[in-house]
Amino acid sequence: MNTKNLVLMALLVSVGATLYVMIPGINGGMKPDFMLTMMFIGILLFRDVKSVFLLAVTTGIISGLFSSFPGGFFPNIIDKFVTAFVFFALVSLLKKHAAKLPVGIALAAFGTVLSGTIFLSAAIFILGADIPFTLLLATVVVPATIMNGVAFAVMFPIVTGLMKRSNFQSSTAAQAR
């Protein structure tokens, strides 16, 4: 893993953290997780286990620190870790097709639903709380899925375009050849 990759991954995570902090909460303070979108973009750009692990851990910890959900630190870490590796497995199966925008949007939407489901399940299990799972899934995860899909559709072409102009080598660039 080289320094350029680390710097770009750090930039993606920091943009995700900034969006996460700035977006107002919905339905009792819960927020769509734009760090998840940036993690997905990072996984599409850097398709190796070390990068996925690093993205999963950093986005999980930072999401947990900024979580407005009571006791949301550990569920965020669990959710990002599992989601990152499931997303990575899907990207690995789809190979070069995953870098196409419609496929990427579908993967990001699936990843957001998976992430929300894992987060809510982990929160209920860890906290032992009586949380209305299906209500939160419908009122928070579904809007977050739509918002993350739109954010991915806007941000992924911008990031890949900037990388092409700067002659930056990533897994996506290597797949396009």
C-alpha atoms as a PDB file:
ATOM      1  CA  MET A   1       0.000   0.000   0.000  1.00  0.00           C
ATOM      2  CA  ASN A   2       1.578   3.285  -1.034  1.00  0.00           C
ATOM      3  CA  THR A   3       1.291   6.776   0.380  1.00  0.00           C
ATOM      4  CA  LYS A   4      -0.838   8.075  -2.504  1.00  0.00           C
ATOM      5  CA  ASN A   5      -3.485   5.430  -1.831  1.00  0.00           C
ATOM      6  CA  LEU A   6      -3.467   6.201   1.890  1.00  0.00           C
ATOM      7  CA  VAL A   7      -3.862   9.916   1.230  1.00  0.00           C
ATOM      8  CA  LEU A   8      -6.773   9.405  -1.158  1.00  0.00           C
ATOM      9  CA  MET A   9      -8.484   7.012   1.249  1.00  0.00           C
ATOM     10  CA  ALA A  10      -8.022   9.563   4.056  1.00  0.00           C
ATOM     11  CA  LEU A  11      -9.539  12.268   1.845  1.00  0.00           C
ATOM     12  CA  LEU A  12     -12.526  10.087   1.032  1.00  0.00           C
ATOM     13  CA  VAL A  13     -13.094   9.294   4.709  1.00  0.00           C
ATOM     14  CA  SER A  14     -12.722  12.967   5.693  1.00  0.00           C
ATOM     15  CA  VAL A  15     -15.221  14.106   3.041  1.00  0.00           C
ATOM     16  CA  GLY A  16     -17.604  11.422   4.279  1.00  0.00           C
ATOM     17  CA  ALA A  17     -17.107  12.559   7.889  1.00  0.00           C
ATOM     18  CA  THR A  18     -17.737  16.184   6.951  1.00  0.00           C
ATOM     19  CA  LEU A  19     -20.967  15.319   5.152  1.00  0.00           C
ATOM     20  CA  TYR A  20     -21.990  13.053   8.037  1.00  0.00           C
ATOM     21  CA  VAL A  21     -21.542  15.842  10.580  1.00  0.00           C
ATOM     22  CA  MET A  22     -23.183  18.550   8.466  1.00  0.00           C
ATOM     23  CA  ILE A  23     -26.324  16.666   7.405  1.00  0.00           C
ATOM     24  CA  PRO A  24     -29.151  17.177   9.911  1.00  0.00           C
ATOM     25  CA  GLY A  25     -30.681  14.179  11.648  1.00  0.00           C
ATOM     26  CA  ILE A  26     -34.026  12.689  10.648  1.00  0.00           C
ATOM     27  CA  ASN A  27     -36.525  10.683  12.665  1.00  0.00           C
ATOM     28  CA  GLY A  28     -35.297  11.484  16.150  1.00  0.00           C
ATOM     29  CA  GLY A  29     -31.756  12.480  15.234  1.00  0.00           C
ATOM     30  CA  MET A  30     -30.676   9.510  13.111  1.00  0.00           C
ATOM     31  CA  LYS A  31     -28.690  10.472  10.012  1.00  0.00           C
ATOM     32  CA  PRO A  32     -27.971   8.993   6.619  1.00  0.00           C
ATOM     33  CA  ASP A  33     -24.370   7.794   6.647  1.00  0.00           C
ATOM     34  CA  PHE A  34     -22.435   9.442   3.835  1.00  0.00           C
ATOM     35  CA  MET A  35     -19.251   7.913   5.234  1.00  0.00           C
ATOM     36  CA  LEU A  36     -20.688   4.681   3.910  1.00  0.00           C
ATOM     37  CA  THR A  37     -20.891   6.150   0.402  1.00  0.00           C
ATOM     38  CA  MET A  38     -17.273   7.251   0.577  1.00  0.00           C
ATOM     39  CA  MET A  39     -16.261   3.839   1.900  1.00  0.00           C
ATOM     40  CA  PHE A  40     -17.973   2.237  -1.111  1.00  0.00           C
ATOM     41  CA  ILE A  41     -16.136   4.569  -3.490  1.00  0.00           C
ATOM     42  CA  GLY A  42     -12.865   3.736  -1.741  1.00  0.00           C
ATOM     43  CA  ILE A  43     -13.493   0.002  -2.063  1.00  0.00           C
ATOM     44  CA  LEU A  44     -14.261   0.389  -5.767  1.00  0.00           C
ATOM     45  CA  LEU A  45     -11.047   2.341  -6.256  1.00  0.00           C
ATOM     46  CA  PHE A  46      -8.760   0.194  -4.093  1.00  0.00           C
ATOM     47  CA  ARG A  47      -9.693  -3.446  -4.450  1.00  0.00           C
ATOM     48  CA  ASP A  48      -7.383  -5.131  -2.008  1.00  0.00           C
ATOM     49  CA  VAL A  49      -8.020  -6.610   1.426  1.00  0.00           C
ATOM     50  CA  LYS A  50      -5.675  -4.215   3.262  1.00  0.00           C
ATOM     51  CA  SER A  51      -7.429  -1.156   1.850  1.00  0.00           C
ATOM     52  CA  VAL A  52     -10.874  -2.577   2.591  1.00  0.00           C
ATOM     53  CA  PHE A  53      -9.817  -3.365   6.154  1.00  0.00           C
ATOM     54  CA  LEU A  54      -8.401   0.133   6.637  1.00  0.00           C
ATOM     55  CA  LEU A  55     -11.504   1.805   5.169  1.00  0.00           C
ATOM     56  CA  ALA A  56     -13.817  -0.372   7.281  1.00  0.00           C
ATOM     57  CA  VAL A  57     -12.021   0.334  10.544  1.00  0.00           C
ATOM     58  CA  THR A  58     -11.630   4.086  10.000  1.00  0.00           C
ATOM     59  CA  THR A  59     -15.182   4.677   8.805  1.00  0.00           C
ATOM     60  CA  GLY A  60     -16.543   2.497  11.608  1.00  0.00           C
ATOM     61  CA  ILE A  61     -14.654   4.343  14.331  1.00  0.00           C
ATOM     62  CA  ILE A  62     -15.359   7.811  12.974  1.00  0.00           C
ATOM     63  CA  SER A  63     -19.038   7.005  12.365  1.00  0.00           C
ATOM     64  CA  GLY A  64     -19.235   5.627  15.881  1.00  0.00           C
ATOM     65  CA  LEU A  65     -17.664   8.743  17.365  1.00  0.00           C
ATOM     66  CA  PHE A  66     -20.107  11.026  15.557  1.00  0.00           C
ATOM     67  CA  SER A  67     -23.150   8.787  15.951  1.00  0.00           C
ATOM     68  CA  SER A  68     -26.261  10.468  17.296  1.00  0.00           C
ATOM     69  CA  PHE A  69     -27.769   7.058  18.063  1.00  0.00           C
ATOM     70  CA  PRO A  70     -27.502   6.270  21.796  1.00  0.00           C
ATOM     71  CA  GLY A  71     -24.839   3.593  22.234  1.00  0.00           C
ATOM     72  CA  GLY A  72     -24.086   3.651  18.505  1.00  0.00           C
ATOM     73  CA  PHE A  73     -20.299   3.363  18.701  1.00  0.00           C
ATOM     74  CA  PHE A  74     -19.933  -0.433  18.646  1.00  0.00           C
ATOM     75  CA  PRO A  75     -22.854  -1.076  16.271  1.00  0.00           C
ATOM     76  CA  ASN A  76     -21.196   1.333  13.805  1.00  0.00           C
ATOM     77  CA  ILE A  77     -17.888  -0.528  13.956  1.00  0.00           C
ATOM     78  CA  ILE A  78     -19.587  -3.921  13.500  1.00  0.00           C
ATOM     79  CA  ASP A  79     -21.771  -2.605  10.699  1.00  0.00           C
ATOM     80  CA  LYS A  80     -18.965  -0.976   8.687  1.00  0.00           C
ATOM     81  CA  PHE A  81     -16.660  -3.963   9.048  1.00  0.00           C
ATOM     82  CA  VAL A  82     -19.209  -6.523   7.864  1.00  0.00           C
ATOM     83  CA  THR A  83     -20.643  -4.264   5.158  1.00  0.00           C
ATOM     84  CA  ALA A  84     -17.200  -3.417   3.764  1.00  0.00           C
ATOM     85  CA  PHE A  85     -16.229  -7.041   3.276  1.00  0.00           C
ATOM     86  CA  VAL A  86     -19.609  -8.084   1.828  1.00  0.00           C
ATOM     87  CA  PHE A  87     -19.402  -5.110  -0.553  1.00  0.00           C
ATOM     88  CA  PHE A  88     -15.812  -6.078  -1.424  1.00  0.00           C
ATOM     89  CA  ALA A  89     -16.918  -9.658  -2.152  1.00  0.00           C
ATOM     90  CA  LEU A  90     -19.646  -8.397  -4.499  1.00  0.00           C
ATOM     91  CA  VAL A  91     -17.222  -6.027  -6.233  1.00  0.00           C
ATOM     92  CA  SER A  92     -14.729  -8.880  -6.621  1.00  0.00           C
ATOM     93  CA  LEU A  93     -17.415 -11.081  -8.170  1.00  0.00           C
ATOM     94  CA  LEU A  94     -18.511  -8.383 -10.602  1.00  0.00           C
ATOM     95  CA  LYS A  95     -14.912  -7.363 -11.475  1.00  0.00           C
ATOM     96  CA  LYS A  96     -14.843  -4.611 -14.125  1.00  0.00           C
ATOM     97  CA  HIS A  97     -18.650  -4.279 -14.261  1.00  0.00           C
ATOM     98  CA  ALA A  98     -18.684  -2.909 -10.703  1.00  0.00           C
ATOM     99  CA  ALA A  99     -17.001   0.308 -11.893  1.00  0.00           C
ATOM    100  CA  LYS A 100     -19.911   1.113 -14.226  1.00  0.00           C
ATOM    101  CA  LEU A 101     -22.133   3.784 -12.719  1.00  0.00           C
ATOM    102  CA  PRO A 102     -25.505   1.936 -12.772  1.00  0.00           C
ATOM    103  CA  VAL A 103     -23.939  -1.167 -11.216  1.00  0.00           C
ATOM    104  CA  GLY A 104     -22.104   0.974  -8.660  1.00  0.00           C
ATOM    105  CA  ILE A 105     -25.336   2.730  -7.684  1.00  0.00           C
ATOM    106  CA  ALA A 106     -27.091  -0.618  -7.240  1.00  0.00           C
ATOM    107  CA  LEU A 107     -24.187  -1.913  -5.152  1.00  0.00           C
ATOM    108  CA  ALA A 108     -24.179   1.254  -3.017  1.00  0.00           C
ATOM    109  CA  ALA A 109     -27.942   0.957  -2.463  1.00  0.00           C
ATOM    110  CA  PHE A 110     -27.633  -2.714  -1.512  1.00  0.00           C
ATOM    111  CA  GLY A 111     -24.697  -1.890   0.756  1.00  0.00           C
ATOM    112  CA  THR A 112     -26.676   0.843   2.497  1.00  0.00           C
ATOM    113  CA  VAL A 113     -29.617  -1.487   3.167  1.00  0.00           C
ATOM    114  CA  LEU A 114     -27.207  -4.139   4.440  1.00  0.00           C
ATOM    115  CA  SER A 115     -25.406  -1.586   6.613  1.00  0.00           C
ATOM    116  CA  GLY A 116     -28.633  -0.254   8.107  1.00  0.00           C
ATOM    117  CA  THR A 117     -29.901  -3.744   8.825  1.00  0.00           C
ATOM    118  CA  ILE A 118     -26.647  -4.781  10.500  1.00  0.00           C
ATOM    119  CA  PHE A 119     -26.462  -1.530  12.487  1.00  0.00           C
ATOM    120  CA  LEU A 120     -30.012  -1.827  13.819  1.00  0.00           C
ATOM    121  CA  SER A 121     -29.587  -5.542  14.598  1.00  0.00           C
ATOM    122  CA  ALA A 122     -26.296  -4.928  16.431  1.00  0.00           C
ATOM    123  CA  ALA A 123     -27.779  -1.986  18.332  1.00  0.00           C
ATOM    124  CA  ILE A 124     -30.780  -4.025  19.448  1.00  0.00           C
ATOM    125  CA  PHE A 125     -28.553  -6.948  20.469  1.00  0.00           C
ATOM    126  CA  ILE A 126     -25.871  -4.902  22.261  1.00  0.00           C
ATOM    127  CA  LEU A 127     -28.192  -2.445  23.972  1.00  0.00           C
ATOM    128  CA  GLY A 128     -30.948  -4.953  24.610  1.00  0.00           C
ATOM    129  CA  ALA A 129     -33.294  -2.183  23.599  1.00  0.00           C
ATOM    130  CA  ASP A 130     -36.890  -2.473  22.564  1.00  0.00           C
ATOM    131  CA  ILE A 131     -36.459  -0.637  19.254  1.00  0.00           C
ATOM    132  CA  PRO A 132     -39.103  -0.938  16.530  1.00  0.00           C
ATOM    133  CA  PHE A 133     -36.819  -2.533  13.910  1.00  0.00           C
ATOM    134  CA  THR A 134     -39.175  -2.453  10.922  1.00  0.00           C
ATOM    135  CA  LEU A 135     -40.256   1.113  11.644  1.00  0.00           C
ATOM    136  CA  LEU A 136     -36.644   2.331  11.761  1.00  0.00           C
ATOM    137  CA  LEU A 137     -35.806   0.292   8.679  1.00  0.00           C
ATOM    138  CA  ALA A 138     -38.635   1.967   6.771  1.00  0.00           C
ATOM    139  CA  THR A 139     -38.191   5.507   8.099  1.00  0.00           C
ATOM    140  CA  VAL A 140     -34.395   5.756   8.299  1.00  0.00           C
ATOM    141  CA  VAL A 141     -32.730   3.057   6.188  1.00  0.00           C
ATOM    142  CA  VAL A 142     -34.903   3.472   3.086  1.00  0.00           C
ATOM    143  CA  PRO A 143     -34.424   7.286   2.904  1.00  0.00           C
ATOM    144  CA  ALA A 144     -30.714   6.797   3.633  1.00  0.00           C
ATOM    145  CA  THR A 145     -30.525   4.288   0.765  1.00  0.00           C
ATOM    146  CA  ILE A 146     -32.034   6.785  -1.642  1.00  0.00           C
ATOM    147  CA  MET A 147     -29.763   9.600  -0.420  1.00  0.00           C
ATOM    148  CA  ASN A 148     -26.648   7.413  -0.579  1.00  0.00           C
ATOM    149  CA  GLY A 149     -27.556   6.230  -4.079  1.00  0.00           C
ATOM    150  CA  VAL A 150     -27.893   9.839  -5.265  1.00  0.00           C
ATOM    151  CA  ALA A 151     -24.683  10.838  -3.469  1.00  0.00           C
ATOM    152  CA  PHE A 152     -22.842   7.906  -5.071  1.00  0.00           C
ATOM    153  CA  ALA A 153     -24.215   8.824  -8.518  1.00  0.00           C
ATOM    154  CA  VAL A 154     -22.873  12.360  -8.102  1.00  0.00           C
ATOM    155  CA  MET A 155     -19.573  11.680  -6.344  1.00  0.00           C
ATOM    156  CA  PHE A 156     -18.244   8.543  -8.041  1.00  0.00           C
ATOM    157  CA  PRO A 157     -17.905  10.131 -11.521  1.00  0.00           C
ATOM    158  CA  ILE A 158     -16.261  13.193  -9.972  1.00  0.00           C
ATOM    159  CA  VAL A 159     -13.696  11.132  -8.045  1.00  0.00           C
ATOM    160  CA  THR A 160     -12.920   8.817 -10.979  1.00  0.00           C
ATOM    161  CA  GLY A 161     -12.669  11.801 -13.344  1.00  0.00           C
ATOM    162  CA  LEU A 162     -10.211  13.536 -11.038  1.00  0.00           C
ATOM    163  CA  MET A 163      -8.180  10.364 -10.765  1.00  0.00           C
ATOM    164  CA  LYS A 164      -7.985  10.000 -14.553  1.00  0.00           C
ATOM    165  CA  ARG A 165      -6.859  13.606 -14.975  1.00  0.00           C
ATOM    166  CA  SER A 166      -4.160  13.202 -12.354  1.00  0.00           C
ATOM    167  CA  ASN A 167      -2.951   9.879 -13.848  1.00  0.00           C
ATOM    168  CA  PHE A 168      -3.594   8.222 -10.483  1.00  0.00           C
ATOM    169  CA  GLN A 169      -3.518   4.434 -10.667  1.00  0.00           C
ATOM    170  CA  SER A 170      -6.260   2.507  -8.892  1.00  0.00           C
ATOM    171  CA  SER A 171      -7.983  -0.819  -9.276  1.00  0.00           C
ATOM    172  CA  THR A 172     -10.721   0.861 -11.313  1.00  0.00           C
ATOM    173  CA  ALA A 173      -8.192   2.373 -13.714  1.00  0.00           C
ATOM    174  CA  ALA A 174      -6.461  -0.966 -14.096  1.00  0.00           C
ATOM    175  CA  GLN A 175      -9.808  -2.686 -14.750  1.00  0.00           C
ATOM    176  CA  ALA A 176     -10.701  -0.166 -17.507  1.00  0.00           C
ATOM    177  CA  ARG A 177      -7.644  -1.098 -19.644  1.00  0.00           C
END
